[in-house]
Amino acid sequence: MTEKKVITKPINYAILNQLSTDFKTRFVPQTELSAKQAFWSQYSVQTDEPTLSATTTIVEVPKELPKVSMVNSCLKKLKSHLASFDMVVKERTTATAIIEGT
């Protein structure tokens, strides 16, 4: 691999400071927005309050999560309800039940 020599000159701070001063005197801040900037600025402004759309649903959130025992008891109840529902469906869809009309 060949090494390349890099020539660096020391920074002339007098010229750099003069450029900085010239920039400050020649730079004029923009006071009015162009038509395009005015159009897009109304969409880029963040409001303090979020707007709620018609599809927004407000839901109350519990202060704490349910306990494990409470969840387990609800699951057991649901399981028993599903089992009883399954029995009713089997009774009503058997061949004899359809013939009898029940």
N, C-alpha and C. Protein backbone atom coordinates (compact mmCIF):
# COMPACT_ATOMS: atom_id res chain seq x y z
N MET A 1 0.84 -1.16 0.00
CA MET A 1 0.00 0.00 0.00
C MET A 1 0.90 1.25 0.00
N THR A 2 0.63 2.16 -0.89
CA THR A 2 1.46 3.35 -0.96
C THR A 2 0.90 4.44 -0.06
N GLU A 3 1.80 5.16 0.53
CA GLU A 3 1.38 6.26 1.40
C GLU A 3 1.35 7.54 0.59
N LYS A 4 0.32 8.31 0.80
CA LYS A 4 0.19 9.59 0.12
C LYS A 4 0.52 10.69 1.11
N LYS A 5 1.27 11.65 0.62
CA LYS A 5 1.58 12.78 1.48
C LYS A 5 0.44 13.79 1.41
N VAL A 6 0.01 14.23 2.56
CA VAL A 6 -1.06 15.21 2.63
C VAL A 6 -0.44 16.52 3.10
N ILE A 7 -0.65 17.53 2.30
CA ILE A 7 -0.10 18.83 2.66
C ILE A 7 -1.19 19.62 3.37
N THR A 8 -0.92 20.01 4.58
CA THR A 8 -1.88 20.81 5.35
C THR A 8 -1.26 22.15 5.66
N LYS A 9 -2.07 23.17 5.52
CA LYS A 9 -1.60 24.51 5.84
C LYS A 9 -2.22 24.91 7.18
N PRO A 10 -1.51 25.68 7.95
CA PRO A 10 -2.09 26.14 9.21
C PRO A 10 -3.26 27.08 8.94
N ILE A 11 -4.21 27.10 9.85
CA ILE A 11 -5.41 27.92 9.69
C ILE A 11 -5.07 29.38 9.97
N ASN A 12 -5.49 30.22 9.06
CA ASN A 12 -5.29 31.66 9.23
C ASN A 12 -6.54 32.20 9.93
N TYR A 13 -6.46 32.38 11.22
CA TYR A 13 -7.63 32.78 12.00
C TYR A 13 -8.05 34.22 11.71
N ALA A 14 -7.15 35.05 11.26
CA ALA A 14 -7.52 36.43 10.92
C ALA A 14 -8.49 36.44 9.75
N ILE A 15 -8.20 35.65 8.73
CA ILE A 15 -9.10 35.56 7.57
C ILE A 15 -10.42 34.91 7.97
N LEU A 16 -10.35 33.87 8.78
CA LEU A 16 -11.56 33.18 9.23
C LEU A 16 -12.46 34.12 10.03
N ASN A 17 -11.88 34.89 10.91
CA ASN A 17 -12.67 35.85 11.69
C ASN A 17 -13.28 36.92 10.80
N GLN A 18 -12.53 37.36 9.78
CA GLN A 18 -13.05 38.38 8.86
C GLN A 18 -14.23 37.81 8.07
N LEU A 19 -14.14 36.57 7.63
CA LEU A 19 -15.25 35.93 6.92
C LEU A 19 -16.48 35.85 7.81
N SER A 20 -16.27 35.52 9.07
CA SER A 20 -17.38 35.43 10.01
C SER A 20 -18.04 36.79 10.21
N THR A 21 -17.25 37.82 10.34
CA THR A 21 -17.78 39.17 10.50
C THR A 21 -18.52 39.62 9.25
N ASP A 22 -17.95 39.35 8.08
CA ASP A 22 -18.61 39.71 6.83
C ASP A 22 -19.94 38.99 6.68
N PHE A 23 -19.98 37.74 7.07
CA PHE A 23 -21.21 36.97 6.97
C PHE A 23 -22.30 37.58 7.84
N LYS A 24 -21.94 37.98 9.06
CA LYS A 24 -22.93 38.56 9.97
C LYS A 24 -23.47 39.89 9.45
N THR A 25 -22.66 40.66 8.76
CA THR A 25 -23.13 41.95 8.24
C THR A 25 -23.93 41.79 6.96
N ARG A 26 -23.64 40.77 6.18
CA ARG A 26 -24.34 40.60 4.90
C ARG A 26 -25.57 39.70 5.01
N PHE A 27 -25.64 38.91 6.04
CA PHE A 27 -26.76 37.97 6.18
C PHE A 27 -27.98 38.72 6.70
N VAL A 28 -29.10 38.60 5.98
CA VAL A 28 -30.35 39.24 6.40
C VAL A 28 -31.34 38.12 6.70
N PRO A 29 -31.82 38.04 7.93
CA PRO A 29 -32.77 36.97 8.25
C PRO A 29 -34.09 37.18 7.51
N GLN A 30 -34.70 36.08 7.14
CA GLN A 30 -35.95 36.12 6.40
C GLN A 30 -37.08 36.49 7.36
N THR A 31 -37.88 37.49 7.00
CA THR A 31 -38.95 37.94 7.89
C THR A 31 -40.32 37.45 7.43
N GLU A 32 -40.50 37.22 6.14
CA GLU A 32 -41.79 36.76 5.63
C GLU A 32 -41.62 35.38 5.00
N LEU A 33 -42.68 34.60 5.11
CA LEU A 33 -42.67 33.27 4.51
C LEU A 33 -43.12 33.36 3.07
N SER A 34 -42.57 32.50 2.24
CA SER A 34 -43.05 32.41 0.88
C SER A 34 -44.41 31.72 0.90
N ALA A 35 -45.10 31.74 -0.23
CA ALA A 35 -46.43 31.12 -0.30
C ALA A 35 -46.35 29.63 0.01
N LYS A 36 -45.32 28.98 -0.50
CA LYS A 36 -45.15 27.54 -0.27
C LYS A 36 -44.85 27.27 1.20
N GLN A 37 -43.99 28.09 1.82
CA GLN A 37 -43.66 27.91 3.23
C GLN A 37 -44.88 28.17 4.10
N ALA A 38 -45.67 29.18 3.76
CA ALA A 38 -46.87 29.50 4.54
C ALA A 38 -47.87 28.35 4.46
N PHE A 39 -48.00 27.75 3.28
CA PHE A 39 -48.94 26.64 3.11
C PHE A 39 -48.54 25.45 3.97
N TRP A 40 -47.26 25.07 3.91
CA TRP A 40 -46.82 23.88 4.64
C TRP A 40 -46.64 24.12 6.12
N SER A 41 -46.43 25.37 6.53
CA SER A 41 -46.23 25.63 7.96
C SER A 41 -47.49 25.37 8.76
N GLN A 42 -48.66 25.56 8.15
CA GLN A 42 -49.89 25.29 8.89
C GLN A 42 -50.06 23.80 9.19
N TYR A 43 -49.44 22.94 8.40
CA TYR A 43 -49.52 21.51 8.65
C TYR A 43 -48.41 21.00 9.56
N SER A 44 -47.36 21.79 9.71
CA SER A 44 -46.24 21.34 10.53
C SER A 44 -46.31 21.83 11.96
N VAL A 45 -47.26 22.69 12.27
CA VAL A 45 -47.38 23.23 13.63
C VAL A 45 -47.99 22.17 14.53
N GLN A 46 -47.33 21.90 15.65
CA GLN A 46 -47.83 20.92 16.61
C GLN A 46 -48.75 21.62 17.60
N THR A 47 -49.94 21.10 17.78
CA THR A 47 -50.87 21.68 18.75
C THR A 47 -50.64 21.04 20.11
N ASP A 48 -51.04 21.76 21.16
CA ASP A 48 -50.87 21.23 22.51
C ASP A 48 -51.83 20.08 22.78
N GLU A 49 -53.07 20.20 22.27
CA GLU A 49 -54.07 19.16 22.50
C GLU A 49 -54.22 18.32 21.24
N PRO A 50 -54.15 17.02 21.35
CA PRO A 50 -54.35 16.19 20.17
C PRO A 50 -55.82 16.22 19.75
N THR A 51 -56.06 16.22 18.46
CA THR A 51 -57.43 16.23 17.97
C THR A 51 -57.94 14.79 17.95
N LEU A 52 -59.16 14.61 18.43
CA LEU A 52 -59.76 13.28 18.45
C LEU A 52 -60.60 13.11 17.20
N SER A 53 -60.35 12.07 16.47
CA SER A 53 -61.12 11.82 15.27
C SER A 53 -62.44 11.14 15.63
N ALA A 54 -63.29 10.99 14.65
CA ALA A 54 -64.60 10.37 14.89
C ALA A 54 -64.46 8.90 15.24
N THR A 55 -63.36 8.27 14.84
CA THR A 55 -63.18 6.85 15.11
C THR A 55 -62.45 6.58 16.41
N THR A 56 -62.07 7.62 17.13
CA THR A 56 -61.34 7.44 18.38
C THR A 56 -62.28 6.92 19.45
N THR A 57 -61.85 5.89 20.16
CA THR A 57 -62.63 5.32 21.25
C THR A 57 -61.90 5.58 22.55
N ILE A 58 -62.61 6.19 23.48
CA ILE A 58 -62.02 6.46 24.79
C ILE A 58 -62.36 5.30 25.71
N VAL A 59 -61.34 4.71 26.29
CA VAL A 59 -61.51 3.53 27.14
C VAL A 59 -60.92 3.83 28.50
N GLU A 60 -61.64 3.44 29.54
CA GLU A 60 -61.09 3.59 30.88
C GLU A 60 -60.14 2.44 31.16
N VAL A 61 -58.99 2.76 31.66
CA VAL A 61 -57.95 1.77 31.92
C VAL A 61 -57.90 1.53 33.42
N PRO A 62 -57.87 0.25 33.85
CA PRO A 62 -57.78 -0.01 35.29
C PRO A 62 -56.46 0.49 35.86
N LYS A 63 -56.51 0.85 37.13
CA LYS A 63 -55.31 1.39 37.77
C LYS A 63 -54.26 0.30 37.99
N GLU A 64 -54.70 -0.93 38.17
CA GLU A 64 -53.74 -2.02 38.34
C GLU A 64 -54.22 -3.23 37.56
N LEU A 65 -53.31 -4.10 37.24
CA LEU A 65 -53.63 -5.29 36.47
C LEU A 65 -54.36 -6.30 37.35
N PRO A 66 -55.23 -7.14 36.75
CA PRO A 66 -55.92 -8.15 37.56
C PRO A 66 -54.94 -9.18 38.12
N LYS A 67 -55.31 -9.74 39.23
CA LYS A 67 -54.46 -10.74 39.88
C LYS A 67 -54.53 -12.05 39.10
N VAL A 68 -53.52 -12.87 39.26
CA VAL A 68 -53.44 -14.15 38.54
C VAL A 68 -54.60 -15.05 38.93
N SER A 69 -54.95 -15.08 40.21
CA SER A 69 -56.05 -15.94 40.66
C SER A 69 -57.36 -15.52 40.02
N MET A 70 -57.56 -14.20 39.86
CA MET A 70 -58.78 -13.71 39.23
C MET A 70 -58.84 -14.12 37.76
N VAL A 71 -57.73 -14.03 37.09
CA VAL A 71 -57.66 -14.44 35.68
C VAL A 71 -57.91 -15.93 35.55
N ASN A 72 -57.32 -16.73 36.44
CA ASN A 72 -57.52 -18.18 36.39
C ASN A 72 -58.97 -18.54 36.62
N SER A 73 -59.64 -17.89 37.58
CA SER A 73 -61.05 -18.20 37.84
C SER A 73 -61.91 -17.83 36.64
N CYS A 74 -61.63 -16.72 36.00
CA CYS A 74 -62.39 -16.33 34.80
C CYS A 74 -62.16 -17.32 33.67
N LEU A 75 -60.93 -17.80 33.53
CA LEU A 75 -60.65 -18.78 32.49
C LEU A 75 -61.37 -20.11 32.76
N LYS A 76 -61.45 -20.51 34.02
CA LYS A 76 -62.17 -21.75 34.36
C LYS A 76 -63.65 -21.62 34.05
N LYS A 77 -64.24 -20.46 34.37
CA LYS A 77 -65.65 -20.23 34.06
C LYS A 77 -65.88 -20.27 32.55
N LEU A 78 -65.00 -19.63 31.81
CA LEU A 78 -65.12 -19.61 30.36
C LEU A 78 -65.00 -21.02 29.79
N LYS A 79 -64.09 -21.81 30.33
CA LYS A 79 -63.89 -23.18 29.87
C LYS A 79 -65.14 -24.02 30.13
N SER A 80 -65.76 -23.84 31.29
CA SER A 80 -66.98 -24.61 31.60
C SER A 80 -68.14 -24.17 30.70
N HIS A 81 -68.24 -22.88 30.44
CA HIS A 81 -69.30 -22.40 29.53
C HIS A 81 -69.11 -22.95 28.13
N LEU A 82 -67.87 -22.99 27.67
CA LEU A 82 -67.61 -23.53 26.33
C LEU A 82 -67.90 -25.03 26.27
N ALA A 83 -67.60 -25.74 27.34
CA ALA A 83 -67.88 -27.18 27.37
C ALA A 83 -69.38 -27.42 27.34
N SER A 84 -70.16 -26.65 28.10
CA SER A 84 -71.62 -26.83 28.09
C SER A 84 -72.20 -26.43 26.73
N PHE A 85 -71.65 -25.40 26.11
CA PHE A 85 -72.11 -24.99 24.79
C PHE A 85 -71.82 -26.09 23.77
N ASP A 86 -70.66 -26.72 23.89
CA ASP A 86 -70.29 -27.80 22.99
C ASP A 86 -71.27 -28.97 23.11
N MET A 87 -71.70 -29.26 24.34
CA MET A 87 -72.67 -30.35 24.55
C MET A 87 -74.01 -30.01 23.90
N VAL A 88 -74.46 -28.76 24.02
CA VAL A 88 -75.73 -28.35 23.42
C VAL A 88 -75.65 -28.45 21.91
N VAL A 89 -74.55 -28.03 21.34
CA VAL A 89 -74.39 -28.10 19.89
C VAL A 89 -74.40 -29.54 19.42
N LYS A 90 -73.72 -30.44 20.15
CA LYS A 90 -73.70 -31.85 19.77
C LYS A 90 -75.08 -32.46 19.85
N GLU A 91 -75.87 -32.10 20.89
CA GLU A 91 -77.21 -32.66 21.04
C GLU A 91 -78.12 -32.20 19.91
N ARG A 92 -78.02 -30.96 19.53
CA ARG A 92 -78.94 -30.42 18.52
C ARG A 92 -78.53 -30.77 17.10
N THR A 93 -77.31 -31.23 16.89
CA THR A 93 -76.89 -31.55 15.53
C THR A 93 -76.81 -33.05 15.26
N THR A 94 -77.23 -33.87 16.21
CA THR A 94 -77.24 -35.32 15.94
C THR A 94 -78.37 -35.64 14.98
N ALA A 95 -78.27 -36.78 14.31
CA ALA A 95 -79.25 -37.16 13.30
C ALA A 95 -80.64 -37.32 13.90
N THR A 96 -80.76 -37.87 15.10
CA THR A 96 -82.08 -38.08 15.69
C THR A 96 -82.71 -36.75 16.09
N ALA A 97 -81.94 -35.82 16.54
CA ALA A 97 -82.48 -34.53 16.96
C ALA A 97 -83.01 -33.77 15.75
N ILE A 98 -82.36 -33.89 14.62
CA ILE A 98 -82.83 -33.19 13.42
C ILE A 98 -84.13 -33.82 12.94
N ILE A 99 -84.23 -35.14 12.99
CA ILE A 99 -85.45 -35.82 12.55
C ILE A 99 -86.61 -35.48 13.47
N GLU A 100 -86.35 -35.44 14.80
CA GLU A 100 -87.41 -35.17 15.75
C GLU A 100 -87.81 -33.69 15.74
N GLY A 101 -86.96 -32.84 15.22
CA GLY A 101 -87.29 -31.42 15.12
C GLY A 101 -86.97 -30.62 16.36
N THR A 102 -86.14 -31.14 17.27
CA THR A 102 -85.80 -30.37 18.47
C THR A 102 -84.57 -29.56 18.27
